[in-house]
Amino acid sequence: MSVWQLLLVGLVMVLGLVGVLVPGVPGRWLVWAGMLWWSLHVQTGLAWTLLVASTVVLIVDQVVVWQLPPRRIREVGVRPELAAWAGTGALLGFLLLPVVGAIPGFIGGIYLNERRRLGGHGPAAASTRAVMRAVGTSVLVELFASLLVVGAWLGAVVWG
């Protein structure tokens, strides 16, 4: 696979990660489509194994998200910049402490945005709890699964 194709697969996966944070965009399936594209071109045992594993992870993720309470975005007043802060925090956490760092990074991004917006620790902590109850858990589960798939792909490209 050429470098340009790898960059395009990576771009599709990054768009999928951003899509996880935007309601109504099929982010996890863009990540899966990138994995499918890569697997069909590389056609190695590792590529097929990652495709099957990512399919299982994303299907389990879908089932888990269905079991969570529905998102209540309008009730809490989630704004686009909040999603950007949460996504950036999750990505930085994922890079600093692979896989498990996404969770505290996501929550930390929400808290930092609310702290900046509201000005104090108490209101920011209360707002962070409200956001996590309303939408954060389902978004976090979906983002975590998508980051696992992207991380596995990146590891396979770099070390495989």
N, C-alpha and C. Protein backbone atom coordinates (compact mmCIF):
# COMPACT_ATOMS: atom_id res chain seq x y z
N MET A 1 0.86 -1.17 0.00
CA MET A 1 0.00 0.00 0.00
C MET A 1 0.90 1.23 0.00
N SER A 2 0.59 2.18 -0.86
CA SER A 2 1.42 3.37 -0.96
C SER A 2 1.21 4.30 0.23
N VAL A 3 2.13 5.22 0.37
CA VAL A 3 2.05 6.18 1.47
C VAL A 3 0.79 7.03 1.36
N TRP A 4 0.44 7.40 0.13
CA TRP A 4 -0.75 8.23 -0.07
C TRP A 4 -2.02 7.49 0.34
N GLN A 5 -2.09 6.20 0.02
CA GLN A 5 -3.25 5.43 0.44
C GLN A 5 -3.30 5.29 1.95
N LEU A 6 -2.15 5.08 2.58
CA LEU A 6 -2.12 5.01 4.05
C LEU A 6 -2.59 6.33 4.66
N LEU A 7 -2.15 7.44 4.08
CA LEU A 7 -2.60 8.74 4.58
C LEU A 7 -4.10 8.93 4.41
N LEU A 8 -4.64 8.46 3.29
CA LEU A 8 -6.09 8.57 3.08
C LEU A 8 -6.87 7.68 4.04
N VAL A 9 -6.37 6.47 4.29
CA VAL A 9 -7.01 5.60 5.28
C VAL A 9 -6.97 6.26 6.65
N GLY A 10 -5.82 6.83 7.00
CA GLY A 10 -5.70 7.54 8.28
C GLY A 10 -6.64 8.72 8.35
N LEU A 11 -6.81 9.44 7.25
CA LEU A 11 -7.73 10.58 7.22
C LEU A 11 -9.17 10.13 7.42
N VAL A 12 -9.55 9.04 6.78
CA VAL A 12 -10.92 8.50 6.97
C VAL A 12 -11.12 8.14 8.44
N MET A 13 -10.12 7.52 9.05
CA MET A 13 -10.24 7.13 10.46
C MET A 13 -10.32 8.35 11.37
N VAL A 14 -9.53 9.38 11.08
CA VAL A 14 -9.60 10.61 11.88
C VAL A 14 -10.97 11.27 11.72
N LEU A 15 -11.49 11.28 10.50
CA LEU A 15 -12.84 11.82 10.30
C LEU A 15 -13.87 11.00 11.07
N GLY A 16 -13.65 9.70 11.16
CA GLY A 16 -14.53 8.86 11.96
C GLY A 16 -14.45 9.21 13.43
N LEU A 17 -13.24 9.47 13.94
CA LEU A 17 -13.09 9.87 15.35
C LEU A 17 -13.79 11.19 15.61
N VAL A 18 -13.66 12.13 14.68
CA VAL A 18 -14.38 13.41 14.83
C VAL A 18 -15.87 13.17 14.73
N GLY A 19 -16.27 12.27 13.85
CA GLY A 19 -17.69 11.96 13.68
C GLY A 19 -18.33 11.36 14.91
N VAL A 20 -17.54 10.68 15.74
CA VAL A 20 -18.07 10.13 16.99
C VAL A 20 -18.57 11.27 17.88
N LEU A 21 -17.89 12.40 17.82
CA LEU A 21 -18.24 13.53 18.69
C LEU A 21 -19.38 14.37 18.15
N VAL A 22 -19.74 14.18 16.88
CA VAL A 22 -20.80 14.96 16.26
C VAL A 22 -22.05 14.10 16.16
N PRO A 23 -23.14 14.51 16.79
CA PRO A 23 -24.37 13.71 16.73
C PRO A 23 -24.86 13.54 15.29
N GLY A 24 -25.27 12.32 14.98
CA GLY A 24 -25.82 12.04 13.67
C GLY A 24 -24.81 11.60 12.62
N VAL A 25 -23.51 11.69 12.92
CA VAL A 25 -22.48 11.26 11.98
C VAL A 25 -22.06 9.85 12.35
N PRO A 26 -21.98 8.93 11.39
CA PRO A 26 -21.62 7.54 11.71
C PRO A 26 -20.11 7.38 11.90
N GLY A 27 -19.59 7.92 12.98
CA GLY A 27 -18.16 7.94 13.20
C GLY A 27 -17.53 6.57 13.30
N ARG A 28 -18.14 5.69 14.09
CA ARG A 28 -17.53 4.36 14.26
C ARG A 28 -17.49 3.60 12.95
N TRP A 29 -18.46 3.82 12.09
CA TRP A 29 -18.49 3.09 10.82
C TRP A 29 -17.51 3.68 9.81
N LEU A 30 -17.18 4.94 9.93
CA LEU A 30 -16.09 5.50 9.11
C LEU A 30 -14.76 4.89 9.53
N VAL A 31 -14.57 4.71 10.84
CA VAL A 31 -13.36 4.05 11.33
C VAL A 31 -13.29 2.63 10.79
N TRP A 32 -14.40 1.92 10.84
CA TRP A 32 -14.44 0.55 10.33
C TRP A 32 -14.18 0.52 8.82
N ALA A 33 -14.75 1.48 8.09
CA ALA A 33 -14.54 1.53 6.64
C ALA A 33 -13.06 1.74 6.31
N GLY A 34 -12.38 2.57 7.09
CA GLY A 34 -10.95 2.75 6.90
C GLY A 34 -10.19 1.45 7.14
N MET A 35 -10.58 0.71 8.18
CA MET A 35 -9.94 -0.58 8.46
C MET A 35 -10.22 -1.58 7.32
N LEU A 36 -11.43 -1.58 6.81
CA LEU A 36 -11.79 -2.46 5.70
C LEU A 36 -10.96 -2.13 4.46
N TRP A 37 -10.85 -0.86 4.16
CA TRP A 37 -10.08 -0.40 3.01
C TRP A 37 -8.63 -0.88 3.13
N TRP A 38 -8.04 -0.67 4.28
CA TRP A 38 -6.65 -1.08 4.51
C TRP A 38 -6.51 -2.60 4.40
N SER A 39 -7.41 -3.34 5.01
CA SER A 39 -7.34 -4.80 5.00
C SER A 39 -7.48 -5.37 3.58
N LEU A 40 -8.37 -4.79 2.78
CA LEU A 40 -8.56 -5.27 1.42
C LEU A 40 -7.33 -5.02 0.54
N HIS A 41 -6.58 -3.96 0.85
CA HIS A 41 -5.39 -3.66 0.06
C HIS A 41 -4.15 -4.41 0.55
N VAL A 42 -4.02 -4.59 1.84
CA VAL A 42 -2.82 -5.23 2.40
C VAL A 42 -2.92 -6.75 2.30
N GLN A 43 -4.06 -7.31 2.62
CA GLN A 43 -4.35 -8.74 2.52
C GLN A 43 -3.30 -9.64 3.18
N THR A 44 -3.01 -9.35 4.44
CA THR A 44 -2.14 -10.22 5.23
C THR A 44 -2.97 -10.82 6.36
N GLY A 45 -2.40 -11.79 7.03
CA GLY A 45 -3.10 -12.39 8.17
C GLY A 45 -3.38 -11.36 9.25
N LEU A 46 -2.43 -10.48 9.50
CA LEU A 46 -2.61 -9.43 10.50
C LEU A 46 -3.75 -8.49 10.10
N ALA A 47 -3.80 -8.13 8.83
CA ALA A 47 -4.86 -7.23 8.35
C ALA A 47 -6.24 -7.85 8.53
N TRP A 48 -6.37 -9.13 8.18
CA TRP A 48 -7.67 -9.79 8.32
C TRP A 48 -8.04 -9.96 9.79
N THR A 49 -7.05 -10.28 10.62
CA THR A 49 -7.31 -10.42 12.05
C THR A 49 -7.79 -9.09 12.63
N LEU A 50 -7.14 -8.00 12.25
CA LEU A 50 -7.56 -6.68 12.75
C LEU A 50 -8.94 -6.31 12.24
N LEU A 51 -9.25 -6.67 11.01
CA LEU A 51 -10.59 -6.36 10.48
C LEU A 51 -11.66 -7.11 11.27
N VAL A 52 -11.43 -8.38 11.51
CA VAL A 52 -12.41 -9.16 12.29
C VAL A 52 -12.51 -8.63 13.71
N ALA A 53 -11.37 -8.37 14.35
CA ALA A 53 -11.38 -7.86 15.72
C ALA A 53 -12.06 -6.50 15.81
N SER A 54 -11.78 -5.62 14.85
CA SER A 54 -12.41 -4.30 14.89
C SER A 54 -13.91 -4.40 14.64
N THR A 55 -14.33 -5.34 13.80
CA THR A 55 -15.76 -5.55 13.57
C THR A 55 -16.43 -5.99 14.86
N VAL A 56 -15.82 -6.93 15.56
CA VAL A 56 -16.38 -7.41 16.83
C VAL A 56 -16.43 -6.28 17.85
N VAL A 57 -15.33 -5.52 17.97
CA VAL A 57 -15.28 -4.42 18.95
C VAL A 57 -16.37 -3.40 18.66
N LEU A 58 -16.54 -3.04 17.39
CA LEU A 58 -17.53 -2.01 17.06
C LEU A 58 -18.96 -2.51 17.17
N ILE A 59 -19.19 -3.78 16.94
CA ILE A 59 -20.55 -4.32 17.15
C ILE A 59 -20.86 -4.38 18.64
N VAL A 60 -19.91 -4.84 19.44
CA VAL A 60 -20.11 -4.85 20.90
C VAL A 60 -20.33 -3.43 21.40
N ASP A 61 -19.57 -2.49 20.85
CA ASP A 61 -19.74 -1.08 21.22
C ASP A 61 -21.15 -0.60 20.91
N GLN A 62 -21.66 -0.96 19.74
CA GLN A 62 -23.03 -0.57 19.36
C GLN A 62 -24.05 -1.13 20.34
N VAL A 63 -23.89 -2.38 20.72
CA VAL A 63 -24.82 -3.01 21.67
C VAL A 63 -24.74 -2.31 23.03
N VAL A 64 -23.53 -1.99 23.48
CA VAL A 64 -23.37 -1.31 24.78
C VAL A 64 -24.03 0.07 24.73
N VAL A 65 -23.82 0.80 23.65
CA VAL A 65 -24.43 2.14 23.53
C VAL A 65 -25.95 2.03 23.53
N TRP A 66 -26.49 1.00 22.90
CA TRP A 66 -27.96 0.81 22.91
C TRP A 66 -28.47 0.56 24.32
N GLN A 67 -27.67 -0.04 25.18
CA GLN A 67 -28.10 -0.35 26.55
C GLN A 67 -28.03 0.87 27.47
N LEU A 68 -27.30 1.90 27.06
CA LEU A 68 -27.19 3.10 27.89
C LEU A 68 -28.43 3.97 27.70
N PRO A 69 -28.69 4.86 28.66
CA PRO A 69 -29.84 5.76 28.49
C PRO A 69 -29.65 6.63 27.25
N PRO A 70 -30.75 7.07 26.64
CA PRO A 70 -30.63 7.89 25.43
C PRO A 70 -29.94 9.22 25.73
N ARG A 71 -29.30 9.75 24.71
CA ARG A 71 -28.61 11.04 24.85
C ARG A 71 -29.64 12.15 25.01
N ARG A 72 -29.35 13.04 25.93
CA ARG A 72 -30.23 14.19 26.18
C ARG A 72 -29.45 15.48 25.96
N ILE A 73 -29.03 15.70 24.73
CA ILE A 73 -28.14 16.80 24.41
C ILE A 73 -28.80 18.15 24.66
N ARG A 74 -30.01 18.31 24.22
CA ARG A 74 -30.66 19.62 24.33
C ARG A 74 -30.94 20.02 25.77
N GLU A 75 -31.27 19.05 26.62
CA GLU A 75 -31.60 19.34 28.02
C GLU A 75 -30.41 19.91 28.78
N VAL A 76 -29.23 19.43 28.49
CA VAL A 76 -28.04 19.86 29.23
C VAL A 76 -27.42 21.09 28.58
N GLY A 77 -27.66 21.30 27.31
CA GLY A 77 -27.09 22.45 26.62
C GLY A 77 -25.66 22.20 26.16
N VAL A 78 -25.40 21.02 25.63
CA VAL A 78 -24.06 20.71 25.12
C VAL A 78 -23.80 21.55 23.88
N ARG A 79 -22.65 22.21 23.88
CA ARG A 79 -22.25 23.07 22.77
C ARG A 79 -21.16 22.41 21.94
N PRO A 80 -20.99 22.83 20.70
CA PRO A 80 -19.95 22.22 19.84
C PRO A 80 -18.54 22.32 20.42
N GLU A 81 -18.22 23.44 21.07
CA GLU A 81 -16.86 23.56 21.62
C GLU A 81 -16.62 22.57 22.75
N LEU A 82 -17.67 22.17 23.46
CA LEU A 82 -17.53 21.16 24.50
C LEU A 82 -17.10 19.83 23.89
N ALA A 83 -17.71 19.46 22.77
CA ALA A 83 -17.32 18.23 22.09
C ALA A 83 -15.88 18.31 21.60
N ALA A 84 -15.47 19.48 21.13
CA ALA A 84 -14.09 19.64 20.67
C ALA A 84 -13.11 19.49 21.83
N TRP A 85 -13.41 20.09 22.97
CA TRP A 85 -12.53 19.97 24.14
C TRP A 85 -12.49 18.52 24.63
N ALA A 86 -13.63 17.87 24.69
CA ALA A 86 -13.68 16.48 25.15
C ALA A 86 -12.92 15.56 24.20
N GLY A 87 -13.10 15.75 22.92
CA GLY A 87 -12.39 14.94 21.94
C GLY A 87 -10.90 15.16 21.97
N THR A 88 -10.50 16.41 22.11
CA THR A 88 -9.06 16.71 22.21
C THR A 88 -8.47 16.10 23.47
N GLY A 89 -9.19 16.21 24.56
CA GLY A 89 -8.71 15.60 25.81
C GLY A 89 -8.59 14.10 25.69
N ALA A 90 -9.57 13.46 25.06
CA ALA A 90 -9.51 12.00 24.88
C ALA A 90 -8.34 11.60 23.99
N LEU A 91 -8.12 12.34 22.92
CA LEU A 91 -7.01 12.03 22.02
C LEU A 91 -5.67 12.22 22.72
N LEU A 92 -5.51 13.32 23.45
CA LEU A 92 -4.27 13.54 24.18
C LEU A 92 -4.06 12.48 25.26
N GLY A 93 -5.12 12.14 25.97
CA GLY A 93 -5.02 11.09 26.98
C GLY A 93 -4.65 9.76 26.36
N PHE A 94 -5.22 9.47 25.20
CA PHE A 94 -4.92 8.23 24.49
C PHE A 94 -3.46 8.18 24.06
N LEU A 95 -2.92 9.32 23.63
CA LEU A 95 -1.53 9.37 23.20
C LEU A 95 -0.56 9.31 24.38
N LEU A 96 -0.93 9.97 25.48
CA LEU A 96 -0.04 9.98 26.65
C LEU A 96 -0.03 8.65 27.39
N LEU A 97 -1.18 8.04 27.53
CA LEU A 97 -1.30 6.76 28.22
C LEU A 97 -2.20 5.87 27.33
N PRO A 98 -1.58 5.14 26.39
CA PRO A 98 -2.36 4.41 25.38
C PRO A 98 -3.52 3.62 25.96
N VAL A 99 -4.60 3.69 25.25
CA VAL A 99 -5.88 3.03 25.49
C VAL A 99 -6.60 3.62 26.70
N VAL A 100 -6.13 3.39 27.92
CA VAL A 100 -6.87 3.81 29.11
C VAL A 100 -6.83 5.31 29.34
N GLY A 101 -5.88 6.02 28.77
CA GLY A 101 -5.79 7.47 28.96
C GLY A 101 -6.91 8.24 28.31
N ALA A 102 -7.64 7.61 27.39
CA ALA A 102 -8.74 8.30 26.70
C ALA A 102 -9.86 8.67 27.67
N ILE A 103 -10.08 7.84 28.66
CA ILE A 103 -11.20 8.08 29.58
C ILE A 103 -10.96 9.32 30.45
N PRO A 104 -9.83 9.40 31.20
CA PRO A 104 -9.62 10.62 31.97
C PRO A 104 -9.40 11.84 31.08
N GLY A 105 -8.84 11.63 29.90
CA GLY A 105 -8.66 12.75 28.98
C GLY A 105 -9.98 13.33 28.52
N PHE A 106 -10.94 12.46 28.23
CA PHE A 106 -12.27 12.89 27.79
C PHE A 106 -12.95 13.70 28.89
N ILE A 107 -12.96 13.15 30.09
CA ILE A 107 -13.60 13.84 31.22
C ILE A 107 -12.85 15.11 31.56
N GLY A 108 -11.52 15.06 31.49
CA GLY A 108 -10.71 16.26 31.75
C GLY A 108 -10.98 17.36 30.74
N GLY A 109 -11.18 16.99 29.48
CA GLY A 109 -11.50 17.99 28.46
C GLY A 109 -12.83 18.67 28.73
N ILE A 110 -13.81 17.89 29.15
CA ILE A 110 -15.11 18.47 29.51
C ILE A 110 -14.94 19.42 30.70
N TYR A 111 -14.22 18.96 31.72
CA TYR A 111 -14.02 19.78 32.92
C TYR A 111 -13.30 21.09 32.57
N LEU A 112 -12.23 21.00 31.78
CA LEU A 112 -11.48 22.23 31.44
C LEU A 112 -12.34 23.21 30.66
N ASN A 113 -13.17 22.71 29.76
CA ASN A 113 -14.06 23.61 29.03
C ASN A 113 -15.06 24.27 29.97
N GLU A 114 -15.64 23.47 30.86
CA GLU A 114 -16.62 24.04 31.79
C GLU A 114 -15.95 24.98 32.80
N ARG A 115 -14.74 24.68 33.21
CA ARG A 115 -14.01 25.57 34.12
C ARG A 115 -13.73 26.90 33.44
N ARG A 116 -13.34 26.83 32.17
CA ARG A 116 -13.08 28.06 31.40
C ARG A 116 -14.37 28.86 31.22
N ARG A 117 -15.46 28.17 30.96
CA ARG A 117 -16.73 28.84 30.70
C ARG A 117 -17.38 29.38 31.97
N LEU A 118 -17.35 28.59 33.06
CA LEU A 118 -18.07 28.96 34.28
C LEU A 118 -17.19 29.66 35.31
N GLY A 119 -15.87 29.47 35.23
CA GLY A 119 -14.97 30.23 36.08
C GLY A 119 -14.55 29.61 37.38
N GLY A 120 -15.19 28.60 37.88
CA GLY A 120 -14.81 28.03 39.17
C GLY A 120 -14.89 26.52 39.18
N HIS A 121 -14.27 25.93 40.20
CA HIS A 121 -14.24 24.48 40.30
C HIS A 121 -15.62 23.88 40.59
N GLY A 122 -16.33 24.44 41.53
CA GLY A 122 -17.63 23.88 41.91
C GLY A 122 -18.62 23.82 40.76
N PRO A 123 -18.88 24.94 40.11
CA PRO A 123 -19.82 24.90 38.97
C PRO A 123 -19.32 24.02 37.82
N ALA A 124 -18.00 24.03 37.59
CA ALA A 124 -17.44 23.21 36.51
C ALA A 124 -17.60 21.73 36.81
N ALA A 125 -17.36 21.33 38.06
CA ALA A 125 -17.51 19.92 38.44
C ALA A 125 -18.97 19.49 38.32
N ALA A 126 -19.89 20.34 38.76
CA ALA A 126 -21.31 20.01 38.67
C ALA A 126 -21.75 19.90 37.20
N SER A 127 -21.28 20.82 36.38
CA SER A 127 -21.62 20.78 34.96
C SER A 127 -21.01 19.55 34.28
N THR A 128 -19.80 19.19 34.67
CA THR A 128 -19.15 18.00 34.10
C THR A 128 -19.96 16.75 34.44
N ARG A 129 -20.42 16.65 35.67
CA ARG A 129 -21.25 15.49 36.07
C ARG A 129 -22.55 15.46 35.25
N ALA A 130 -23.16 16.61 35.07
CA ALA A 130 -24.42 16.67 34.32
C ALA A 130 -24.20 16.26 32.85
N VAL A 131 -23.13 16.75 32.27
CA VAL A 131 -22.83 16.40 30.87
C VAL A 131 -22.54 14.91 30.74
N MET A 132 -21.76 14.37 31.67
CA MET A 132 -21.43 12.94 31.60
C MET A 132 -22.67 12.08 31.78
N ARG A 133 -23.60 12.50 32.62
CA ARG A 133 -24.84 11.74 32.79
C ARG A 133 -25.71 11.82 31.54
N ALA A 134 -25.74 13.00 30.91
CA ALA A 134 -26.64 13.20 29.77
C ALA A 134 -26.12 12.57 28.49
N VAL A 135 -24.87 12.83 28.14
CA VAL A 135 -24.36 12.36 26.85
C VAL A 135 -22.98 11.73 26.94
N GLY A 136 -22.27 12.03 27.97
CA GLY A 136 -20.85 11.66 28.02
C GLY A 136 -20.58 10.18 28.00
N THR A 137 -21.38 9.41 28.69
CA THR A 137 -21.10 7.98 28.79
C THR A 137 -21.22 7.31 27.43
N SER A 138 -22.28 7.58 26.70
CA SER A 138 -22.44 6.93 25.39
C SER A 138 -21.38 7.40 24.40
N VAL A 139 -21.07 8.69 24.42
CA VAL A 139 -20.03 9.21 23.53
C VAL A 139 -18.67 8.62 23.92
N LEU A 140 -18.41 8.53 25.21
CA LEU A 140 -17.14 7.99 25.69
C LEU A 140 -16.97 6.53 25.28
N VAL A 141 -18.01 5.74 25.41
CA VAL A 141 -17.95 4.32 25.01
C VAL A 141 -17.66 4.21 23.51
N GLU A 142 -18.36 4.99 22.72
CA GLU A 142 -18.17 4.95 21.28
C GLU A 142 -16.78 5.44 20.88
N LEU A 143 -16.33 6.52 21.51
CA LEU A 143 -15.00 7.06 21.22
C LEU A 143 -13.91 6.09 21.63
N PHE A 144 -14.06 5.45 22.78
CA PHE A 144 -13.07 4.51 23.27
C PHE A 144 -12.92 3.33 22.31
N ALA A 145 -14.04 2.79 21.86
CA ALA A 145 -13.98 1.66 20.91
C ALA A 145 -13.33 2.09 19.60
N SER A 146 -13.68 3.27 19.12
CA SER A 146 -13.09 3.76 17.87
C SER A 146 -11.60 4.01 18.03
N LEU A 147 -11.19 4.55 19.17
CA LEU A 147 -9.76 4.76 19.43
C LEU A 147 -9.01 3.43 19.51
N LEU A 148 -9.64 2.40 20.06
CA LEU A 148 -9.01 1.08 20.09
C LEU A 148 -8.74 0.57 18.68
N VAL A 149 -9.70 0.73 17.80
CA VAL A 149 -9.54 0.27 16.42
C VAL A 149 -8.46 1.08 15.72
N VAL A 150 -8.49 2.40 15.86
CA VAL A 150 -7.48 3.25 15.21
C VAL A 150 -6.10 2.95 15.79
N GLY A 151 -6.01 2.76 17.09
CA GLY A 151 -4.73 2.43 17.72
C GLY A 151 -4.17 1.10 17.23
N ALA A 152 -5.03 0.11 17.07
CA ALA A 152 -4.60 -1.19 16.56
C ALA A 152 -4.11 -1.06 15.11
N TRP A 153 -4.83 -0.30 14.31
CA TRP A 153 -4.41 -0.08 12.93
C TRP A 153 -3.07 0.64 12.88
N LEU A 154 -2.93 1.69 13.67
CA LEU A 154 -1.68 2.45 13.69
C LEU A 154 -0.53 1.57 14.13
N GLY A 155 -0.75 0.74 15.15
CA GLY A 155 0.28 -0.18 15.59
C GLY A 155 0.67 -1.17 14.50
N ALA A 156 -0.32 -1.67 13.76
CA ALA A 156 -0.04 -2.61 12.67
C ALA A 156 0.74 -1.95 11.54
N VAL A 157 0.41 -0.69 11.25
CA VAL A 157 1.11 0.01 10.18
C VAL A 157 2.55 0.32 10.58
N VAL A 158 2.73 0.75 11.81
CA VAL A 158 4.07 1.14 12.27
C VAL A 158 4.95 -0.08 12.54
N TRP A 159 4.43 -1.06 13.29
CA TRP A 159 5.26 -2.19 13.71
C TRP A 159 5.00 -3.47 12.95
N GLY A 160 3.89 -3.54 12.20
CA GLY A 160 3.53 -4.78 11.54
C GLY A 160 4.18 -4.92 10.23
